[in-house]
Amino acid sequence: MDAAVTVTATAIRPLPAEQLYRPTDPAGLKFSTTAELEPIEGLVGQSRALEAIQFGTHVDKDGFNLFVIGPNGTRMQEAVKALLAREARTRPSPPEWVYVNNFADADKPVAIGLPPGRARKFQDAMHKLIDDLNSALPAAFQSEDYQTRRGAVDEAFQKRQGEAFSELREKAAKKDIVVLRTPIGFALAPARNGQVVPPDEFSTWPEDKRREVQSIIETLEKEFEHIVHQIPQWERERRDQVRQLNRETAKYAVDHLIDEVKGAFGDIPRIIEHIEAVRADLVENVGMFVAGATMAKMSRVISGRGVHSTAMKSTSWSRRMVWVLPSSKNCIRLLATLLVASSMFPCVARW
């Protein structure tokens, strides 16, 4: 059976002219042109888009992202950033991250997370430490105490070497043999009354006498070779003593400065671990810092001008620098593959 369809006719009425537009009285506006107005925050007339963005900000799972597209001139990027910033203020502050040098493998820097507000403080503390050490280390090695102890080590080496050769010369002199210095080293020759016997005169001596002198010279040459072979070992011992002295001097110079930085970050174990690695590296490689300071001092003397501190930091001190990263765990994953030497790459934040 056909259903009855009832159509209700609606009368069409014409609109009066005053309902076709909304009049505005320019006298009631507080500006001359719209250029004087601040841009409106948010998405004007885009309630569904606003709801989608707000929903996306509450999806706390990896792999979910926001993709916003629209016509030019709608200030979408500024509007979305404002919405995200407003949402971020309602959430706990994320940890901050820094990159520090890996002293065990320089090609793999270490990322360390810090509580909010501490990363920049740590960076500033390390830069101040570098500035302080840049003065403290050279001063320690230029001190009278260090110079005296270093001189004693060098003097002991020279004395040991000199005594060995003097003893050999005295032993040779008792057997009428002298030690001569030649352009290619040392030589042993027969002598009479302290004067070298010329080869022509020596050839006139009786054969038994010449054989006796040659036998004495061969014996002394073996003793002389023994002394010469000992010199490298003595030199190694001298270098070991100098290195130990340098370590002790460096440790004395850096310990109190390092401990000041440790005291400010004692609640962050990984920072303390890194600071101790810095201390060990400074003590072990103190020679490069002292040499760098010496070169800077020589440059000032020669040119009459100072050396820019940045140049110093970019060489010896660069391994102790701290680089602050954006506060996003996803940025760490990205930067782990993009960081090369000391260059930082921008990170695209994800929500």
Protein backbone atom coordinates (compact mmCIF):
# COMPACT_ATOMS: atom_id res chain seq x y z
CA MET A 1 0.00 0.00 0.00
CA ASP A 2 1.37 3.40 -0.97
CA ALA A 3 2.31 5.57 1.94
CA ALA A 4 0.55 8.86 2.11
CA VAL A 5 2.95 11.73 1.75
CA THR A 6 1.94 15.05 3.16
CA VAL A 7 3.82 18.11 1.92
CA THR A 8 3.47 21.24 3.93
CA ALA A 9 3.90 24.29 1.84
CA THR A 10 6.08 27.00 3.33
CA ALA A 11 5.38 30.47 2.34
CA ILE A 12 8.37 32.37 0.95
CA ARG A 13 8.60 35.85 2.35
CA PRO A 14 10.95 38.54 1.06
CA LEU A 15 13.57 40.01 3.53
CA PRO A 16 13.65 43.69 4.21
CA ALA A 17 16.79 45.61 3.24
CA GLU A 18 17.97 46.13 6.86
CA GLN A 19 18.28 42.34 7.34
CA LEU A 20 20.56 41.79 4.36
CA TYR A 21 23.69 43.19 6.09
CA ARG A 22 25.00 44.05 9.56
CA PRO A 23 25.78 47.72 9.81
CA THR A 24 28.89 48.92 11.68
CA ASP A 25 29.44 52.39 13.04
CA PRO A 26 33.13 53.27 12.38
CA ALA A 27 32.96 55.84 15.16
CA GLY A 28 32.62 53.04 17.68
CA LEU A 29 35.87 51.32 16.64
CA LYS A 30 39.02 51.95 18.69
CA PHE A 31 41.43 51.71 15.75
CA SER A 32 41.93 53.41 12.44
CA THR A 33 42.96 50.36 10.41
CA THR A 34 43.24 46.64 11.14
CA ALA A 35 47.06 46.94 10.87
CA GLU A 36 46.96 48.39 14.39
CA LEU A 37 45.42 45.23 15.84
CA GLU A 38 47.24 42.23 17.32
CA PRO A 39 46.68 38.92 15.45
CA ILE A 40 43.98 36.73 16.93
CA GLU A 41 45.38 33.64 18.64
CA GLY A 42 44.02 30.25 17.79
CA LEU A 43 42.08 28.97 14.83
CA VAL A 44 39.23 31.32 14.02
CA GLY A 45 36.14 29.45 12.88
CA GLN A 46 37.95 26.07 12.91
CA SER A 47 36.36 24.34 15.89
CA ARG A 48 36.78 20.80 14.45
CA ALA A 49 40.45 21.43 13.67
CA LEU A 50 40.92 22.80 17.18
CA GLU A 51 39.34 19.68 18.68
CA ALA A 52 41.59 17.43 16.54
CA ILE A 53 44.73 19.25 17.68
CA GLN A 54 43.68 19.10 21.32
CA PHE A 55 43.01 15.39 20.94
CA GLY A 56 46.44 14.89 19.34
CA THR A 57 48.21 16.60 22.21
CA HIS A 58 46.81 13.99 24.60
CA VAL A 59 48.09 10.99 22.62
CA ASP A 60 51.21 10.08 24.61
CA LYS A 61 52.53 7.32 22.36
CA ASP A 62 55.50 7.16 20.03
CA GLY A 63 54.69 7.23 16.33
CA PHE A 64 51.68 9.58 16.56
CA ASN A 65 52.18 13.03 15.06
CA LEU A 66 50.27 16.14 14.07
CA PHE A 67 49.94 17.06 10.40
CA VAL A 68 48.28 20.43 9.80
CA ILE A 69 47.63 21.84 6.33
CA GLY A 70 45.63 24.80 5.04
CA PRO A 71 45.67 27.82 2.75
CA ASN A 72 48.34 30.50 2.97
CA GLY A 73 47.66 33.51 5.11
CA THR A 74 45.72 31.65 7.81
CA ARG A 75 48.62 31.82 10.31
CA MET A 76 48.24 28.09 10.96
CA GLN A 77 51.78 27.58 12.22
CA GLU A 78 51.52 30.41 14.75
CA ALA A 79 48.08 29.21 15.87
CA VAL A 80 49.21 25.61 16.37
CA LYS A 81 52.35 26.71 18.23
CA ALA A 82 50.23 28.85 20.55
CA LEU A 83 47.92 25.92 21.26
CA LEU A 84 50.82 23.59 21.95
CA ALA A 85 52.54 26.14 24.18
CA ARG A 86 49.32 26.57 26.18
CA GLU A 87 49.03 22.79 26.54
CA ALA A 88 52.70 22.45 27.53
CA ARG A 89 52.21 24.87 30.44
CA THR A 90 49.76 22.43 32.00
CA ARG A 91 52.26 19.55 32.02
CA PRO A 92 55.41 18.81 34.03
CA SER A 93 58.58 20.27 32.54
CA PRO A 94 60.53 17.63 30.57
CA PRO A 95 64.15 16.81 31.45
CA GLU A 96 66.93 18.78 29.82
CA TRP A 97 69.70 17.06 27.91
CA VAL A 98 73.35 17.82 27.31
CA TYR A 99 76.00 16.20 25.17
CA VAL A 100 79.43 15.73 26.75
CA ASN A 101 82.62 14.22 25.42
CA ASN A 102 83.16 10.49 25.67
CA PHE A 103 86.79 10.18 26.78
CA ALA A 104 86.79 6.45 26.02
CA ASP A 105 85.45 6.90 22.46
CA ALA A 106 85.50 10.47 21.13
CA ASP A 107 83.29 9.54 18.15
CA LYS A 108 80.39 8.64 20.45
CA PRO A 109 79.46 11.61 22.68
CA VAL A 110 77.42 10.90 25.79
CA ALA A 111 73.91 12.31 26.33
CA ILE A 112 73.00 13.08 29.95
CA GLY A 113 69.55 14.03 31.22
CA LEU A 114 69.25 16.75 33.87
CA PRO A 115 66.33 18.18 35.85
CA PRO A 116 64.67 21.25 34.29
CA GLY A 117 66.78 24.38 34.56
CA ARG A 118 70.05 22.57 35.28
CA ALA A 119 71.47 22.01 31.78
CA ARG A 120 72.40 25.63 31.10
CA LYS A 121 73.81 25.97 34.62
CA PHE A 122 75.99 22.92 34.03
CA GLN A 123 77.19 24.31 30.71
CA ASP A 124 78.04 27.65 32.32
CA ALA A 125 79.82 25.91 35.22
CA MET A 126 81.99 23.89 32.83
CA HIS A 127 82.85 26.95 30.74
CA LYS A 128 83.85 28.80 33.91
CA LEU A 129 85.92 25.80 34.97
CA ILE A 130 87.74 25.92 31.63
CA ASP A 131 88.45 29.62 32.03
CA ASP A 132 89.75 29.09 35.58
CA LEU A 133 91.94 26.14 34.61
CA ASN A 134 93.28 28.04 31.62
CA SER A 135 94.94 30.34 34.17
CA ALA A 136 95.51 27.96 37.08
CA LEU A 137 97.36 25.21 35.20
CA PRO A 138 100.07 27.39 33.58
CA ALA A 139 100.52 29.26 36.87
CA ALA A 140 101.11 25.98 38.71
CA PHE A 141 103.75 24.88 36.21
CA GLN A 142 105.45 28.25 36.27
CA SER A 143 105.65 28.31 40.07
CA GLU A 144 108.98 28.27 41.87
CA ASP A 145 108.13 24.99 43.61
CA TYR A 146 107.50 23.16 40.34
CA GLN A 147 110.58 24.63 38.65
CA THR A 148 112.74 23.57 41.61
CA ARG A 149 111.40 20.00 41.61
CA ARG A 150 111.65 19.73 37.83
CA GLY A 151 115.21 21.07 37.92
CA ALA A 152 116.13 18.47 40.53
CA VAL A 153 114.89 15.65 38.25
CA ASP A 154 116.86 16.95 35.27
CA GLU A 155 119.94 17.58 37.38
CA ALA A 156 119.84 14.05 38.78
CA PHE A 157 119.74 12.65 35.24
CA GLN A 158 122.66 14.80 34.09
CA LYS A 159 124.63 13.93 37.23
CA ARG A 160 124.04 10.20 36.79
CA GLN A 161 125.18 10.34 33.18
CA GLY A 162 128.15 12.58 33.98
CA GLU A 163 129.34 10.41 36.85
CA ALA A 164 129.24 7.30 34.67
CA PHE A 165 131.43 8.92 31.99
CA SER A 166 133.75 10.51 34.56
CA GLU A 167 134.32 7.15 36.21
CA LEU A 168 135.14 5.63 32.83
CA ARG A 169 137.54 8.49 31.98
CA GLU A 170 139.36 8.08 35.31
CA LYS A 171 139.64 4.34 34.81
CA ALA A 172 140.96 4.88 31.27
CA ALA A 173 143.43 7.56 32.43
CA LYS A 174 144.99 5.16 34.94
CA LYS A 175 145.77 2.88 31.98
CA ASP A 176 147.07 5.72 29.78
CA ILE A 177 143.94 5.82 27.64
CA VAL A 178 141.97 9.00 26.89
CA VAL A 179 138.33 9.44 25.83
CA LEU A 180 137.96 11.76 22.85
CA ARG A 181 134.78 13.42 21.56
CA THR A 182 134.54 13.25 17.77
CA PRO A 183 131.93 14.56 15.28
CA ILE A 184 130.37 11.10 15.18
CA GLY A 185 130.58 10.28 18.90
CA PHE A 186 133.36 9.18 21.24
CA ALA A 187 136.67 7.38 20.66
CA LEU A 188 139.40 5.81 22.84
CA ALA A 189 143.09 6.44 22.11
CA PRO A 190 146.43 5.66 23.78
CA ALA A 191 148.09 8.51 25.68
CA ARG A 192 151.42 9.41 27.23
CA ASN A 193 151.66 12.01 29.96
CA GLY A 194 148.04 12.92 29.31
CA GLN A 195 148.64 13.60 25.59
CA VAL A 196 147.23 11.55 22.73
CA VAL A 197 149.85 9.39 21.02
CA PRO A 198 149.75 10.07 17.24
CA PRO A 199 149.03 7.03 15.04
CA ASP A 200 152.47 7.23 13.41
CA GLU A 201 154.21 7.08 16.76
CA PHE A 202 151.91 4.34 18.04
CA SER A 203 152.83 2.16 15.02
CA THR A 204 156.50 2.29 16.14
CA TRP A 205 155.77 0.78 19.53
CA PRO A 206 156.69 -2.83 20.17
CA GLU A 207 154.02 -5.26 19.01
CA ASP A 208 153.45 -6.64 22.54
CA LYS A 209 152.87 -3.12 23.85
CA ARG A 210 150.46 -2.31 21.02
CA ARG A 211 148.51 -5.51 21.59
CA GLU A 212 148.27 -4.73 25.31
CA VAL A 213 146.93 -1.20 24.58
CA GLN A 214 144.45 -2.54 22.02
CA SER A 215 143.21 -5.12 24.54
CA ILE A 216 142.71 -2.39 27.15
CA ILE A 217 140.85 -0.22 24.63
CA GLU A 218 138.55 -3.13 23.65
CA THR A 219 137.71 -3.74 27.31
CA LEU A 220 137.02 -0.05 27.89
CA GLU A 221 134.92 0.13 24.72
CA LYS A 222 132.64 -2.60 26.08
CA GLU A 223 132.23 -0.65 29.33
CA PHE A 224 131.61 2.49 27.30
CA GLU A 225 128.95 0.73 25.20
CA HIS A 226 127.31 -0.50 28.40
CA ILE A 227 127.01 3.09 29.63
CA VAL A 228 125.68 4.29 26.27
CA HIS A 229 123.07 1.52 26.28
CA GLN A 230 121.96 2.56 29.76
CA ILE A 231 121.31 6.19 28.77
CA PRO A 232 117.90 5.47 27.07
CA GLN A 233 116.76 3.63 30.20
CA TRP A 234 117.88 6.55 32.37
CA GLU A 235 116.06 8.92 30.02
CA ARG A 236 112.87 6.85 30.31
CA GLU A 237 113.16 6.98 34.08
CA ARG A 238 113.63 10.76 33.89
CA ARG A 239 110.53 11.13 31.71
CA ASP A 240 108.51 8.92 34.08
CA GLN A 241 109.57 11.10 37.00
CA VAL A 242 108.63 14.26 35.08
CA ARG A 243 105.23 12.80 34.13
CA GLN A 244 104.56 11.86 37.75
CA LEU A 245 105.58 15.35 38.86
CA ASN A 246 103.30 16.85 36.21
CA ARG A 247 100.39 14.69 37.39
CA GLU A 248 100.90 15.73 41.00
CA THR A 249 101.17 19.40 40.05
CA ALA A 250 98.10 19.25 37.80
CA LYS A 251 96.06 17.42 40.42
CA TYR A 252 96.93 20.06 42.99
CA ALA A 253 95.90 22.82 40.53
CA VAL A 254 92.60 21.28 39.38
CA ASP A 255 91.26 19.48 42.45
CA HIS A 256 89.68 22.41 44.28
CA LEU A 257 88.21 23.85 41.07
CA ILE A 258 86.77 20.46 40.05
CA ASP A 259 85.35 19.93 43.54
CA GLU A 260 83.50 23.25 43.34
CA VAL A 261 81.67 22.09 40.22
CA LYS A 262 80.97 18.69 41.77
CA GLY A 263 79.43 20.36 44.79
CA ALA A 264 76.87 22.14 42.63
CA PHE A 265 75.77 18.92 40.90
CA GLY A 266 76.25 16.34 43.63
CA ASP A 267 72.64 15.16 43.23
CA ILE A 268 73.18 13.98 39.62
CA PRO A 269 75.38 10.84 39.58
CA ARG A 270 76.06 10.88 35.82
CA ILE A 271 77.27 14.47 36.00
CA ILE A 272 79.59 13.55 38.87
CA GLU A 273 80.88 10.61 36.80
CA HIS A 274 81.61 12.93 33.86
CA ILE A 275 83.34 15.52 36.06
CA GLU A 276 85.61 12.80 37.46
CA ALA A 277 86.42 11.75 33.88
CA VAL A 278 87.31 15.38 33.12
CA ARG A 279 89.60 15.44 36.17
CA ALA A 280 91.38 12.24 35.13
CA ASP A 281 91.80 13.45 31.56
CA LEU A 282 93.19 16.81 32.67
CA VAL A 283 95.75 15.20 34.95
CA GLU A 284 96.79 12.61 32.36
CA ASN A 285 97.05 15.07 29.46
CA VAL A 286 98.17 18.19 31.27
CA GLY A 287 101.09 18.64 28.88
CA MET A 288 98.85 19.87 26.04
CA PHE A 289 97.35 22.60 28.19
CA VAL A 290 100.67 23.85 29.52
CA ALA A 291 102.13 23.76 26.01
CA GLY A 292 99.14 25.69 24.68
CA ALA A 293 99.49 28.34 27.36
CA THR A 294 103.22 28.61 26.65
CA MET A 295 102.56 29.13 22.94
CA ALA A 296 99.98 31.80 23.76
CA LYS A 297 102.46 33.58 26.01
CA MET A 298 105.15 33.46 23.31
CA SER A 299 102.67 34.83 20.77
CA ARG A 300 101.87 37.76 23.03
CA VAL A 301 105.57 38.49 23.51
CA ILE A 302 106.33 38.27 19.77
CA SER A 303 103.29 40.11 18.42
CA GLY A 304 102.55 42.34 21.38
CA ARG A 305 98.91 41.22 21.28
CA GLY A 306 96.80 38.74 23.17
CA VAL A 307 95.53 35.41 21.86
CA HIS A 308 91.78 35.11 21.54
CA SER A 309 90.47 32.77 24.23
CA THR A 310 88.16 31.04 21.76
CA ALA A 311 91.16 29.82 19.79
CA MET A 312 92.55 28.21 22.92
CA LYS A 313 89.24 26.57 23.79
CA SER A 314 88.77 25.17 20.30
CA THR A 315 91.97 23.12 20.59
CA SER A 316 92.95 21.81 24.01
CA TRP A 317 89.70 22.59 25.79
CA SER A 318 87.10 21.52 23.22
CA ARG A 319 86.75 18.04 24.73
CA ARG A 320 85.52 19.54 28.00
CA MET A 321 82.76 21.64 26.42
CA VAL A 322 79.08 20.94 27.15
CA TRP A 323 76.40 21.18 24.45
CA VAL A 324 72.79 21.76 25.54
CA LEU A 325 70.13 19.93 23.52
CA PRO A 326 66.40 20.62 23.01
CA SER A 327 64.16 19.21 25.75
CA SER A 328 62.69 16.23 23.93
CA LYS A 329 63.55 12.57 24.25
CA ASN A 330 62.86 12.16 20.55
CA CYS A 331 65.44 14.84 19.76
CA ILE A 332 68.07 12.70 21.45
CA ARG A 333 67.38 9.84 19.05
CA LEU A 334 67.70 12.16 16.10
CA LEU A 335 70.80 13.96 17.31
CA ALA A 336 72.52 10.71 18.17
CA THR A 337 72.91 10.08 14.46
CA LEU A 338 73.35 13.69 13.30
CA LEU A 339 75.93 15.04 15.72
CA VAL A 340 79.33 15.31 14.04
CA ALA A 341 82.31 16.72 16.00
CA SER A 342 80.99 19.85 17.73
CA SER A 343 78.31 20.79 15.14
CA MET A 344 74.70 20.77 16.32
CA PHE A 345 71.77 20.10 14.00
CA PRO A 346 68.23 21.39 14.59
CA CYS A 347 65.74 18.92 15.97
CA VAL A 348 62.11 18.65 14.86
CA ALA A 349 60.01 18.19 17.99
CA ARG A 350 57.27 15.55 17.99
CA TRP A 351 54.06 15.36 20.01
